[in-house]
């Protein structure tokens, strides 16, 4: 949604989130399909990525750290 307003400063989601994504405020992941693989580096000094599937609908938790992610549809410009 921020990209539609022209305020998106991290279009490729490479910057660290500003806060821990809780259930009420999950980290938004966009996708052109109804499922997507997401990765979480659950501790700052870790180098291993935990990969897991996200499905459209309710927010889902990372299996290691419990942070919440929500998959939302992304519309491609025509």
Protein backbone atom coordinates (compact mmCIF):
# COMPACT_ATOMS: atom_id res chain seq x y z
CA UNK A 1 0.00 0.00 0.00
CA UNK A 2 2.88 2.35 0.70
CA UNK A 3 4.13 1.87 -2.85
CA UNK A 4 0.77 3.06 -4.18
CA UNK A 5 1.13 6.25 -2.15
CA UNK A 6 4.70 6.77 -3.33
CA UNK A 7 6.14 6.55 0.19
CA UNK A 8 7.80 3.14 -0.07
CA UNK A 9 11.45 3.52 0.95
CA UNK A 10 12.25 -0.21 0.84
CA UNK A 11 10.58 -1.69 -2.28
CA UNK A 12 12.66 -4.89 -2.17
CA UNK A 13 12.20 -5.54 1.59
CA UNK A 14 15.92 -5.66 2.32
CA UNK A 15 15.97 -3.38 5.35
CA UNK A 16 15.41 -4.68 8.87
CA UNK A 17 11.85 -4.11 10.16
CA UNK A 18 11.59 -1.27 12.67
CA UNK A 19 9.69 -3.34 15.22
CA UNK A 20 9.00 -6.96 16.08
CA UNK A 21 5.97 -8.04 14.00
CA UNK A 22 3.26 -9.02 16.47
CA UNK A 23 -0.11 -10.61 15.74
CA UNK A 24 -1.89 -7.23 15.72
CA UNK A 25 0.71 -5.69 13.41
CA UNK A 26 2.20 -8.47 11.22
CA UNK A 27 4.92 -7.93 8.66
CA UNK A 28 3.21 -7.57 5.27
CA UNK A 29 4.52 -9.77 2.44
CA UNK A 30 3.07 -9.22 -1.03
CA UNK A 31 2.68 -11.89 -3.70
CA UNK A 32 1.06 -12.33 -7.11
CA UNK A 33 -0.02 -15.85 -6.07
CA UNK A 34 -1.93 -17.11 -3.02
CA UNK A 35 1.19 -18.64 -1.42
CA UNK A 36 4.84 -17.73 -1.14
CA UNK A 37 8.02 -18.90 0.57
CA UNK A 38 9.25 -16.42 3.19
CA UNK A 39 12.51 -16.33 5.09
CA UNK A 40 13.25 -15.16 8.62
CA UNK A 41 16.62 -14.53 10.27
CA UNK A 42 15.28 -14.96 13.77
CA UNK A 43 18.22 -13.46 15.68
CA UNK A 44 20.37 -10.46 14.76
CA UNK A 45 23.68 -12.30 14.84
CA UNK A 46 22.49 -15.45 13.05
CA UNK A 47 23.33 -16.15 9.42
CA UNK A 48 20.95 -19.05 8.84
CA UNK A 49 17.57 -18.29 7.28
CA UNK A 50 14.46 -20.20 8.36
CA UNK A 51 12.29 -20.73 5.26
CA UNK A 52 8.54 -21.39 5.54
CA UNK A 53 5.41 -21.16 3.41
CA UNK A 54 2.99 -18.25 3.74
CA UNK A 55 -0.61 -18.63 2.58
CA UNK A 56 -3.11 -15.87 1.91
CA UNK A 57 -5.55 -15.23 4.76
CA UNK A 58 -4.72 -14.92 8.45
CA UNK A 59 -1.28 -13.92 9.70
CA UNK A 60 1.13 -16.82 10.23
CA UNK A 61 4.02 -17.23 12.66
CA UNK A 62 7.66 -17.98 12.03
CA UNK A 63 8.31 -21.49 13.39
CA UNK A 64 11.46 -20.35 15.26
CA UNK A 65 10.92 -16.88 16.67
CA UNK A 66 7.14 -16.44 16.54
CA UNK A 67 7.12 -13.20 14.54
CA UNK A 68 3.98 -12.78 12.45
CA UNK A 69 3.76 -12.45 8.68
CA UNK A 70 0.72 -11.82 6.50
CA UNK A 71 0.53 -12.52 2.78
CA UNK A 72 -1.42 -9.93 0.80
CA UNK A 73 -2.17 -9.81 -2.93
CA UNK A 74 0.08 -7.69 -5.14
CA UNK A 75 -1.40 -6.37 -8.35
CA UNK A 76 0.90 -6.00 -11.29
CA UNK A 77 0.60 -2.77 -13.29
CA UNK A 78 -0.77 -3.22 -16.79
